[in-house]
């Protein structure tokens, strides 16, 4: 699933491509929205909140959507309008196509907050402050016996982290993803999560190590063949969570002591 940095960059790309332009074509290919025609509206820009996206138009209208596992936006010549297209927006100079978008809804711009009020602090919030950091840490501490790996994926605790960052943050903390929240420094977790997302919101290839080389960008995630980037030991993989919340988890038993499955 696209993580907060990917969604943030998507909002930036939408803004750069469409902001200030009048739509000559504006289709919403969704059963509840299929009669809506956005042609003639001016695009004001886009914003992300965690993994949620809002595309804003004039006259107090916003399109809310979520990328989930397979959603994306295509722009310009690459923007193909096929059976996967859910949103088609065209100006006089370019086209943007939303592919496999989820949770599509039109809302007054002033009501955007109602759709994301359940989320924890957005780690890429441009207005981030010590108050946001304190609230995020407090939310993390509310369930001290919860596995830290599960808490990091809970968007009502921290908005924006996904499975890659979960694995990498646990590694950088030196703890098992199955360790209870009470064994980690909640303030440090929040600082680390925000720092990693900010560093990767520039548009470069995602890296949690600071090394841009393809095989050295991540410490443990996806490294079952190459081993831990720090100690060279074998990376283990196990499922964490249950039912629809179950996720594959990568970890290094040597560098991350604690409970393991």
C-alpha atoms as a PDB file:
ATOM      1  CA  UNK A   1       0.000   0.000   0.000  1.00  0.00           C
ATOM      2  CA  UNK A   2       1.385   3.468  -0.835  1.00  0.00           C
ATOM      3  CA  UNK A   3       2.710   5.111   2.319  1.00  0.00           C
ATOM      4  CA  UNK A   4       2.514   8.699   3.485  1.00  0.00           C
ATOM      5  CA  UNK A   5       5.477   9.918   1.448  1.00  0.00           C
ATOM      6  CA  UNK A   6       4.018   8.489  -1.779  1.00  0.00           C
ATOM      7  CA  UNK A   7       0.620  10.062  -1.096  1.00  0.00           C
ATOM      8  CA  UNK A   8       2.277  13.382  -0.221  1.00  0.00           C
ATOM      9  CA  UNK A   9       4.212  13.341  -3.495  1.00  0.00           C
ATOM     10  CA  UNK A  10       1.048  12.456  -5.413  1.00  0.00           C
ATOM     11  CA  UNK A  11      -0.696  15.509  -3.945  1.00  0.00           C
ATOM     12  CA  UNK A  12       2.264  17.655  -4.946  1.00  0.00           C
ATOM     13  CA  UNK A  13       2.209  16.294  -8.491  1.00  0.00           C
ATOM     14  CA  UNK A  14      -1.532  16.905  -8.789  1.00  0.00           C
ATOM     15  CA  UNK A  15      -1.048  20.478  -7.621  1.00  0.00           C
ATOM     16  CA  UNK A  16       1.854  21.117  -9.990  1.00  0.00           C
ATOM     17  CA  UNK A  17      -0.066  19.655 -12.928  1.00  0.00           C
ATOM     18  CA  UNK A  18      -3.567  21.028 -12.405  1.00  0.00           C
ATOM     19  CA  UNK A  19      -3.619  23.963  -9.981  1.00  0.00           C
ATOM     20  CA  UNK A  20      -4.969  27.166 -11.470  1.00  0.00           C
ATOM     21  CA  UNK A  21      -6.295  25.451 -14.584  1.00  0.00           C
ATOM     22  CA  UNK A  22      -9.875  25.122 -15.783  1.00  0.00           C
ATOM     23  CA  UNK A  23     -11.094  21.626 -16.574  1.00  0.00           C
ATOM     24  CA  UNK A  24     -12.415  20.914 -20.043  1.00  0.00           C
ATOM     25  CA  UNK A  25     -13.189  17.346 -18.993  1.00  0.00           C
ATOM     26  CA  UNK A  26     -14.016  16.141 -15.507  1.00  0.00           C
ATOM     27  CA  UNK A  27     -15.425  12.605 -15.211  1.00  0.00           C
ATOM     28  CA  UNK A  28     -15.967  10.575 -12.048  1.00  0.00           C
ATOM     29  CA  UNK A  29     -16.422   6.927 -12.966  1.00  0.00           C
ATOM     30  CA  UNK A  30     -18.113   5.770  -9.807  1.00  0.00           C
ATOM     31  CA  UNK A  31     -21.744   4.572  -9.459  1.00  0.00           C
ATOM     32  CA  UNK A  32     -22.660   7.307  -6.973  1.00  0.00           C
ATOM     33  CA  UNK A  33     -20.818  10.067  -8.834  1.00  0.00           C
ATOM     34  CA  UNK A  34     -21.221   9.142 -12.484  1.00  0.00           C
ATOM     35  CA  UNK A  35     -23.646  12.008 -13.204  1.00  0.00           C
ATOM     36  CA  UNK A  36     -21.250  14.642 -11.855  1.00  0.00           C
ATOM     37  CA  UNK A  37     -19.491  16.767 -14.460  1.00  0.00           C
ATOM     38  CA  UNK A  38     -16.523  18.767 -13.184  1.00  0.00           C
ATOM     39  CA  UNK A  39     -15.850  20.472 -16.516  1.00  0.00           C
ATOM     40  CA  UNK A  40     -15.664  24.241 -16.106  1.00  0.00           C
ATOM     41  CA  UNK A  41     -14.325  24.103 -12.563  1.00  0.00           C
ATOM     42  CA  UNK A  42     -10.920  25.476 -11.645  1.00  0.00           C
ATOM     43  CA  UNK A  43      -8.543  23.161  -9.775  1.00  0.00           C
ATOM     44  CA  UNK A  44      -7.138  24.849  -6.677  1.00  0.00           C
ATOM     45  CA  UNK A  45      -4.674  22.153  -5.649  1.00  0.00           C
ATOM     46  CA  UNK A  46      -4.353  18.932  -3.674  1.00  0.00           C
ATOM     47  CA  UNK A  47      -3.422  18.008  -0.124  1.00  0.00           C
ATOM     48  CA  UNK A  48      -2.632  14.764   1.634  1.00  0.00           C
ATOM     49  CA  UNK A  49      -3.596  13.765   5.154  1.00  0.00           C
ATOM     50  CA  UNK A  50      -1.799  10.576   6.060  1.00  0.00           C
ATOM     51  CA  UNK A  51      -2.803   8.206   3.281  1.00  0.00           C
ATOM     52  CA  UNK A  52      -5.874  10.234   2.261  1.00  0.00           C
ATOM     53  CA  UNK A  53      -5.983  12.670  -0.659  1.00  0.00           C
ATOM     54  CA  UNK A  54      -8.159  15.715  -1.244  1.00  0.00           C
ATOM     55  CA  UNK A  55      -8.275  17.389  -4.662  1.00  0.00           C
ATOM     56  CA  UNK A  56      -9.808  20.843  -4.313  1.00  0.00           C
ATOM     57  CA  UNK A  57     -11.881  22.786  -6.824  1.00  0.00           C
ATOM     58  CA  UNK A  58     -13.388  26.243  -6.813  1.00  0.00           C
ATOM     59  CA  UNK A  59     -16.825  26.858  -5.321  1.00  0.00           C
ATOM     60  CA  UNK A  60     -16.078  24.927  -2.116  1.00  0.00           C
ATOM     61  CA  UNK A  61     -15.763  21.407  -3.524  1.00  0.00           C
ATOM     62  CA  UNK A  62     -13.232  18.664  -2.764  1.00  0.00           C
ATOM     63  CA  UNK A  63     -12.763  15.162  -4.134  1.00  0.00           C
ATOM     64  CA  UNK A  64     -11.697  12.779  -1.377  1.00  0.00           C
ATOM     65  CA  UNK A  65      -9.997   9.516  -2.301  1.00  0.00           C
ATOM     66  CA  UNK A  66      -7.580   6.860  -1.079  1.00  0.00           C
ATOM     67  CA  UNK A  67      -4.953   4.955  -3.061  1.00  0.00           C
ATOM     68  CA  UNK A  68      -5.142   1.807  -0.884  1.00  0.00           C
ATOM     69  CA  UNK A  69      -3.179  -1.079  -2.464  1.00  0.00           C
ATOM     70  CA  UNK A  70      -3.420  -0.375  -6.173  1.00  0.00           C
ATOM     71  CA  UNK A  71      -4.463   3.239  -6.688  1.00  0.00           C
ATOM     72  CA  UNK A  72      -2.347   5.777  -8.565  1.00  0.00           C
ATOM     73  CA  UNK A  73      -2.454   8.877 -10.748  1.00  0.00           C
ATOM     74  CA  UNK A  74      -1.110   9.069 -14.283  1.00  0.00           C
ATOM     75  CA  UNK A  75      -0.280  12.310 -16.045  1.00  0.00           C
ATOM     76  CA  UNK A  76       0.175  13.604 -19.586  1.00  0.00           C
ATOM     77  CA  UNK A  77       0.896  11.114 -22.394  1.00  0.00           C
ATOM     78  CA  UNK A  78       1.077   8.243 -19.879  1.00  0.00           C
ATOM     79  CA  UNK A  79      -2.479   8.887 -18.713  1.00  0.00           C
ATOM     80  CA  UNK A  80      -4.469   6.049 -20.243  1.00  0.00           C
ATOM     81  CA  UNK A  81      -8.244   6.115 -19.992  1.00  0.00           C
ATOM     82  CA  UNK A  82      -9.205   2.450 -19.748  1.00  0.00           C
ATOM     83  CA  UNK A  83     -11.422   0.255 -17.563  1.00  0.00           C
ATOM     84  CA  UNK A  84      -9.304   1.049 -14.495  1.00  0.00           C
ATOM     85  CA  UNK A  85      -9.859   4.807 -14.735  1.00  0.00           C
ATOM     86  CA  UNK A  86     -11.982   6.214 -11.895  1.00  0.00           C
ATOM     87  CA  UNK A  87     -11.301   9.923 -12.423  1.00  0.00           C
ATOM     88  CA  UNK A  88     -10.496  11.681 -15.699  1.00  0.00           C
ATOM     89  CA  UNK A  89      -9.458  15.329 -15.525  1.00  0.00           C
ATOM     90  CA  UNK A  90      -8.295  17.256 -18.572  1.00  0.00           C
ATOM     91  CA  UNK A  91      -7.287  20.853 -19.094  1.00  0.00           C
ATOM     92  CA  UNK A  92      -6.358  22.528 -22.343  1.00  0.00           C
ATOM     93  CA  UNK A  93      -2.765  21.347 -21.966  1.00  0.00           C
ATOM     94  CA  UNK A  94      -2.688  18.098 -20.003  1.00  0.00           C
ATOM     95  CA  UNK A  95      -4.627  15.124 -18.637  1.00  0.00           C
ATOM     96  CA  UNK A  96      -4.615  13.425 -15.254  1.00  0.00           C
ATOM     97  CA  UNK A  97      -6.214  10.015 -14.758  1.00  0.00           C
ATOM     98  CA  UNK A  98      -6.898   8.467 -11.360  1.00  0.00           C
ATOM     99  CA  UNK A  99      -6.515   4.689 -11.644  1.00  0.00           C
ATOM    100  CA  UNK A 100      -8.164   2.251  -9.242  1.00  0.00           C
ATOM    101  CA  UNK A 101      -8.942   4.982  -6.727  1.00  0.00           C
ATOM    102  CA  UNK A 102     -10.907   4.089  -3.604  1.00  0.00           C
ATOM    103  CA  UNK A 103     -13.335   5.775  -1.207  1.00  0.00           C
ATOM    104  CA  UNK A 104     -14.299   8.393  -3.798  1.00  0.00           C
ATOM    105  CA  UNK A 105     -16.511  11.107  -2.363  1.00  0.00           C
ATOM    106  CA  UNK A 106     -17.327  14.739  -3.109  1.00  0.00           C
ATOM    107  CA  UNK A 107     -17.533  16.960  -0.041  1.00  0.00           C
ATOM    108  CA  UNK A 108     -17.557  20.682   0.692  1.00  0.00           C
ATOM    109  CA  UNK A 109     -13.958  21.760   1.164  1.00  0.00           C
ATOM    110  CA  UNK A 110     -14.872  23.087   4.579  1.00  0.00           C
ATOM    111  CA  UNK A 111     -15.946  19.585   5.634  1.00  0.00           C
ATOM    112  CA  UNK A 112     -12.751  17.745   4.695  1.00  0.00           C
ATOM    113  CA  UNK A 113     -11.799  17.403   8.338  1.00  0.00           C
ATOM    114  CA  UNK A 114     -14.828  15.214   9.020  1.00  0.00           C
ATOM    115  CA  UNK A 115     -13.419  12.436   6.819  1.00  0.00           C
ATOM    116  CA  UNK A 116     -10.045  12.362   8.563  1.00  0.00           C
ATOM    117  CA  UNK A 117     -10.987  13.359  12.111  1.00  0.00           C
ATOM    118  CA  UNK A 118     -10.377   9.772  13.283  1.00  0.00           C
ATOM    119  CA  UNK A 119      -6.727   9.859  12.222  1.00  0.00           C
ATOM    120  CA  UNK A 120      -3.768  10.488  14.472  1.00  0.00           C
ATOM    121  CA  UNK A 121      -1.384  13.363  13.747  1.00  0.00           C
ATOM    122  CA  UNK A 122      -0.207  13.410  10.133  1.00  0.00           C
ATOM    123  CA  UNK A 123       3.579  12.995  10.181  1.00  0.00           C
ATOM    124  CA  UNK A 124       3.860  15.113   7.023  1.00  0.00           C
ATOM    125  CA  UNK A 125       1.539  17.860   8.186  1.00  0.00           C
ATOM    126  CA  UNK A 126       3.067  21.145   6.927  1.00  0.00           C
ATOM    127  CA  UNK A 127       1.916  22.775  10.173  1.00  0.00           C
ATOM    128  CA  UNK A 128       3.599  20.155  12.367  1.00  0.00           C
ATOM    129  CA  UNK A 129       4.415  21.488  15.823  1.00  0.00           C
ATOM    130  CA  UNK A 130       5.500  20.249  19.256  1.00  0.00           C
ATOM    131  CA  UNK A 131       1.811  19.908  20.063  1.00  0.00           C
ATOM    132  CA  UNK A 132       1.373  17.391  17.220  1.00  0.00           C
ATOM    133  CA  UNK A 133       4.431  15.469  18.368  1.00  0.00           C
ATOM    134  CA  UNK A 134       3.191  15.319  21.954  1.00  0.00           C
ATOM    135  CA  UNK A 135      -0.261  14.133  20.875  1.00  0.00           C
ATOM    136  CA  UNK A 136       1.219  11.411  18.649  1.00  0.00           C
ATOM    137  CA  UNK A 137       3.434  10.135  21.467  1.00  0.00           C
ATOM    138  CA  UNK A 138       0.494  10.182  23.879  1.00  0.00           C
ATOM    139  CA  UNK A 139      -1.648   8.167  21.470  1.00  0.00           C
ATOM    140  CA  UNK A 140       1.149   5.641  21.107  1.00  0.00           C
ATOM    141  CA  UNK A 141       1.380   5.184  24.876  1.00  0.00           C
ATOM    142  CA  UNK A 142      -2.354   4.542  25.312  1.00  0.00           C
ATOM    143  CA  UNK A 143      -1.936   0.794  24.745  1.00  0.00           C
ATOM    144  CA  UNK A 144       1.385  -0.079  26.401  1.00  0.00           C
ATOM    145  CA  UNK A 145       0.969  -3.841  25.892  1.00  0.00           C
ATOM    146  CA  UNK A 146       0.307  -3.561  22.168  1.00  0.00           C
ATOM    147  CA  UNK A 147       2.961  -4.816  19.754  1.00  0.00           C
ATOM    148  CA  UNK A 148       4.929  -1.846  18.458  1.00  0.00           C
ATOM    149  CA  UNK A 149       4.693  -3.123  14.866  1.00  0.00           C
ATOM    150  CA  UNK A 150       0.901  -3.076  15.010  1.00  0.00           C
ATOM    151  CA  UNK A 151       0.787   0.317  16.708  1.00  0.00           C
ATOM    152  CA  UNK A 152       2.920   1.868  13.955  1.00  0.00           C
ATOM    153  CA  UNK A 153       0.432   0.743  11.311  1.00  0.00           C
ATOM    154  CA  UNK A 154      -2.570   2.121  13.188  1.00  0.00           C
ATOM    155  CA  UNK A 155      -3.529   5.320  11.370  1.00  0.00           C
ATOM    156  CA  UNK A 156      -5.510   6.512  14.385  1.00  0.00           C
ATOM    157  CA  UNK A 157      -2.203   6.657  16.270  1.00  0.00           C
ATOM    158  CA  UNK A 158       0.138   8.047  13.608  1.00  0.00           C
ATOM    159  CA  UNK A 159      -1.044   8.882  10.103  1.00  0.00           C
ATOM    160  CA  UNK A 160       1.227   8.087   7.184  1.00  0.00           C
ATOM    161  CA  UNK A 161       3.297   5.062   8.149  1.00  0.00           C
ATOM    162  CA  UNK A 162       2.992   1.772   6.286  1.00  0.00           C
ATOM    163  CA  UNK A 163       4.614  -1.630   6.243  1.00  0.00           C
ATOM    164  CA  UNK A 164       7.998  -0.529   4.896  1.00  0.00           C
ATOM    165  CA  UNK A 165       8.433   2.172   7.503  1.00  0.00           C
ATOM    166  CA  UNK A 166       7.147  -0.115  10.233  1.00  0.00           C
ATOM    167  CA  UNK A 167       9.935  -2.596   9.572  1.00  0.00           C
ATOM    168  CA  UNK A 168      12.607   0.064   9.165  1.00  0.00           C
ATOM    169  CA  UNK A 169      11.619   2.037  12.275  1.00  0.00           C
ATOM    170  CA  UNK A 170      11.654  -1.097  14.426  1.00  0.00           C
ATOM    171  CA  UNK A 171      15.100  -1.921  13.072  1.00  0.00           C
ATOM    172  CA  UNK A 172      16.455   1.564  13.759  1.00  0.00           C
ATOM    173  CA  UNK A 173      15.030   1.381  17.286  1.00  0.00           C
ATOM    174  CA  UNK A 174      16.750  -1.961  17.751  1.00  0.00           C
ATOM    175  CA  UNK A 175      13.565  -3.692  18.864  1.00  0.00           C
ATOM    176  CA  UNK A 176      11.466  -6.588  17.657  1.00  0.00           C
ATOM    177  CA  UNK A 177       8.214  -5.580  15.905  1.00  0.00           C
ATOM    178  CA  UNK A 178       6.529  -7.842  18.485  1.00  0.00           C
ATOM    179  CA  UNK A 179       7.932  -5.914  21.448  1.00  0.00           C
ATOM    180  CA  UNK A 180       5.310  -4.104  23.541  1.00  0.00           C
ATOM    181  CA  UNK A 181       4.974  -0.354  23.123  1.00  0.00           C
ATOM    182  CA  UNK A 182       5.968   0.101  26.767  1.00  0.00           C
ATOM    183  CA  UNK A 183       9.527  -0.990  25.951  1.00  0.00           C
ATOM    184  CA  UNK A 184      10.195   1.814  23.451  1.00  0.00           C
ATOM    185  CA  UNK A 185      10.599   5.576  23.732  1.00  0.00           C
ATOM    186  CA  UNK A 186       7.360   6.917  22.239  1.00  0.00           C
ATOM    187  CA  UNK A 187       8.824  10.367  21.667  1.00  0.00           C
ATOM    188  CA  UNK A 188      11.741   8.858  19.754  1.00  0.00           C
ATOM    189  CA  UNK A 189       9.356   6.746  17.649  1.00  0.00           C
ATOM    190  CA  UNK A 190       7.437   9.845  16.556  1.00  0.00           C
ATOM    191  CA  UNK A 191      10.623  11.785  15.801  1.00  0.00           C
ATOM    192  CA  UNK A 192      12.038   8.913  13.769  1.00  0.00           C
ATOM    193  CA  UNK A 193       8.834   8.320  11.818  1.00  0.00           C
ATOM    194  CA  UNK A 194       8.518  11.985  10.876  1.00  0.00           C
ATOM    195  CA  UNK A 195      12.198  12.279   9.975  1.00  0.00           C
ATOM    196  CA  UNK A 196      12.081   9.277   7.639  1.00  0.00           C
ATOM    197  CA  UNK A 197       8.928  10.458   5.897  1.00  0.00           C
ATOM    198  CA  UNK A 198      10.255  13.988   5.480  1.00  0.00           C
ATOM    199  CA  UNK A 199      13.512  12.740   3.999  1.00  0.00           C
ATOM    200  CA  UNK A 200      11.586  10.704   1.469  1.00  0.00           C
ATOM    201  CA  UNK A 201       9.045  13.361   0.519  1.00  0.00           C
ATOM    202  CA  UNK A 202      11.488  14.938  -1.929  1.00  0.00           C
ATOM    203  CA  UNK A 203      10.670  12.620  -4.814  1.00  0.00           C
ATOM    204  CA  UNK A 204      13.946  10.685  -4.822  1.00  0.00           C
ATOM    205  CA  UNK A 205      13.987   6.890  -4.503  1.00  0.00           C
ATOM    206  CA  UNK A 206      12.901   5.911  -1.003  1.00  0.00           C
ATOM    207  CA  UNK A 207      15.800   5.280   1.355  1.00  0.00           C
ATOM    208  CA  UNK A 208      15.877   4.836   5.130  1.00  0.00           C
ATOM    209  CA  UNK A 209      19.653   4.326   5.224  1.00  0.00           C
ATOM    210  CA  UNK A 210      20.692   7.555   3.539  1.00  0.00           C
ATOM    211  CA  UNK A 211      22.334   5.534   0.758  1.00  0.00           C
ATOM    212  CA  UNK A 212      20.702   5.990  -2.676  1.00  0.00           C
ATOM    213  CA  UNK A 213      22.179   2.819  -4.180  1.00  0.00           C
ATOM    214  CA  UNK A 214      19.461   0.381  -5.159  1.00  0.00           C
ATOM    215  CA  UNK A 215      20.635  -2.495  -2.961  1.00  0.00           C
ATOM    216  CA  UNK A 216      21.446  -0.337   0.048  1.00  0.00           C
ATOM    217  CA  UNK A 217      18.368   1.852   0.482  1.00  0.00           C
ATOM    218  CA  UNK A 218      16.662  -0.223   3.194  1.00  0.00           C
ATOM    219  CA  UNK A 219      17.990  -1.927   6.313  1.00  0.00           C
ATOM    220  CA  UNK A 220      15.749  -5.014   6.468  1.00  0.00           C
ATOM    221  CA  UNK A 221      12.604  -4.636   4.374  1.00  0.00           C
ATOM    222  CA  UNK A 222      12.671  -7.011   1.396  1.00  0.00           C
ATOM    223  CA  UNK A 223      16.229  -8.155   2.149  1.00  0.00           C
ATOM    224  CA  UNK A 224      15.583 -11.881   2.603  1.00  0.00           C
ATOM    225  CA  UNK A 225      18.146 -12.730  -0.084  1.00  0.00           C
ATOM    226  CA  UNK A 226      20.807 -10.141   0.670  1.00  0.00           C
ATOM    227  CA  UNK A 227      20.671 -10.120   4.471  1.00  0.00           C
ATOM    228  CA  UNK A 228      20.709  -7.396   7.106  1.00  0.00           C
ATOM    229  CA  UNK A 229      22.476  -4.309   5.835  1.00  0.00           C
ATOM    230  CA  UNK A 230      24.115  -3.756   9.239  1.00  0.00           C
ATOM    231  CA  UNK A 231      25.274  -7.186  10.388  1.00  0.00           C
ATOM    232  CA  UNK A 232      24.880  -9.264   7.230  1.00  0.00           C
ATOM    233  CA  UNK A 233      22.784 -11.819   9.093  1.00  0.00           C
ATOM    234  CA  UNK A 234      19.729 -13.568   7.786  1.00  0.00           C
ATOM    235  CA  UNK A 235      16.513 -11.543   7.587  1.00  0.00           C
ATOM    236  CA  UNK A 236      13.457 -13.369   8.832  1.00  0.00           C
ATOM    237  CA  UNK A 237       9.902 -12.850   7.603  1.00  0.00           C
ATOM    238  CA  UNK A 238       6.700 -13.520   9.527  1.00  0.00           C
ATOM    239  CA  UNK A 239       3.089 -12.419   9.520  1.00  0.00           C
ATOM    240  CA  UNK A 240       2.011  -9.910  12.122  1.00  0.00           C
ATOM    241  CA  UNK A 241      -1.589  -9.065  12.942  1.00  0.00           C
ATOM    242  CA  UNK A 242      -4.759 -10.924  12.109  1.00  0.00           C
ATOM    243  CA  UNK A 243      -7.401 -11.028   9.391  1.00  0.00           C
ATOM    244  CA  UNK A 244      -7.405  -7.962   7.130  1.00  0.00           C
ATOM    245  CA  UNK A 245      -4.791  -6.255   9.313  1.00  0.00           C
ATOM    246  CA  UNK A 246      -2.225  -9.009   8.818  1.00  0.00           C
ATOM    247  CA  UNK A 247       1.021  -7.808   7.228  1.00  0.00           C
ATOM    248  CA  UNK A 248       4.314  -9.430   6.314  1.00  0.00           C
ATOM    249  CA  UNK A 249       7.033  -8.263   8.686  1.00  0.00           C
ATOM    250  CA  UNK A 250      10.782  -8.228   8.014  1.00  0.00           C
ATOM    251  CA  UNK A 251      13.268  -8.203  10.886  1.00  0.00           C
ATOM    252  CA  UNK A 252      16.823  -9.112  11.861  1.00  0.00           C
ATOM    253  CA  UNK A 253      16.851 -11.381  14.941  1.00  0.00           C
ATOM    254  CA  UNK A 254      20.453 -10.406  15.699  1.00  0.00           C
ATOM    255  CA  UNK A 255      19.958  -6.641  15.611  1.00  0.00           C
ATOM    256  CA  UNK A 256      16.409  -6.661  16.979  1.00  0.00           C
ATOM    257  CA  UNK A 257      16.288  -8.662  20.215  1.00  0.00           C
ATOM    258  CA  UNK A 258      12.989  -9.300  21.900  1.00  0.00           C
ATOM    259  CA  UNK A 259       9.926 -11.474  21.349  1.00  0.00           C
ATOM    260  CA  UNK A 260       9.694 -13.147  17.952  1.00  0.00           C
ATOM    261  CA  UNK A 261       7.069 -15.475  16.491  1.00  0.00           C
END
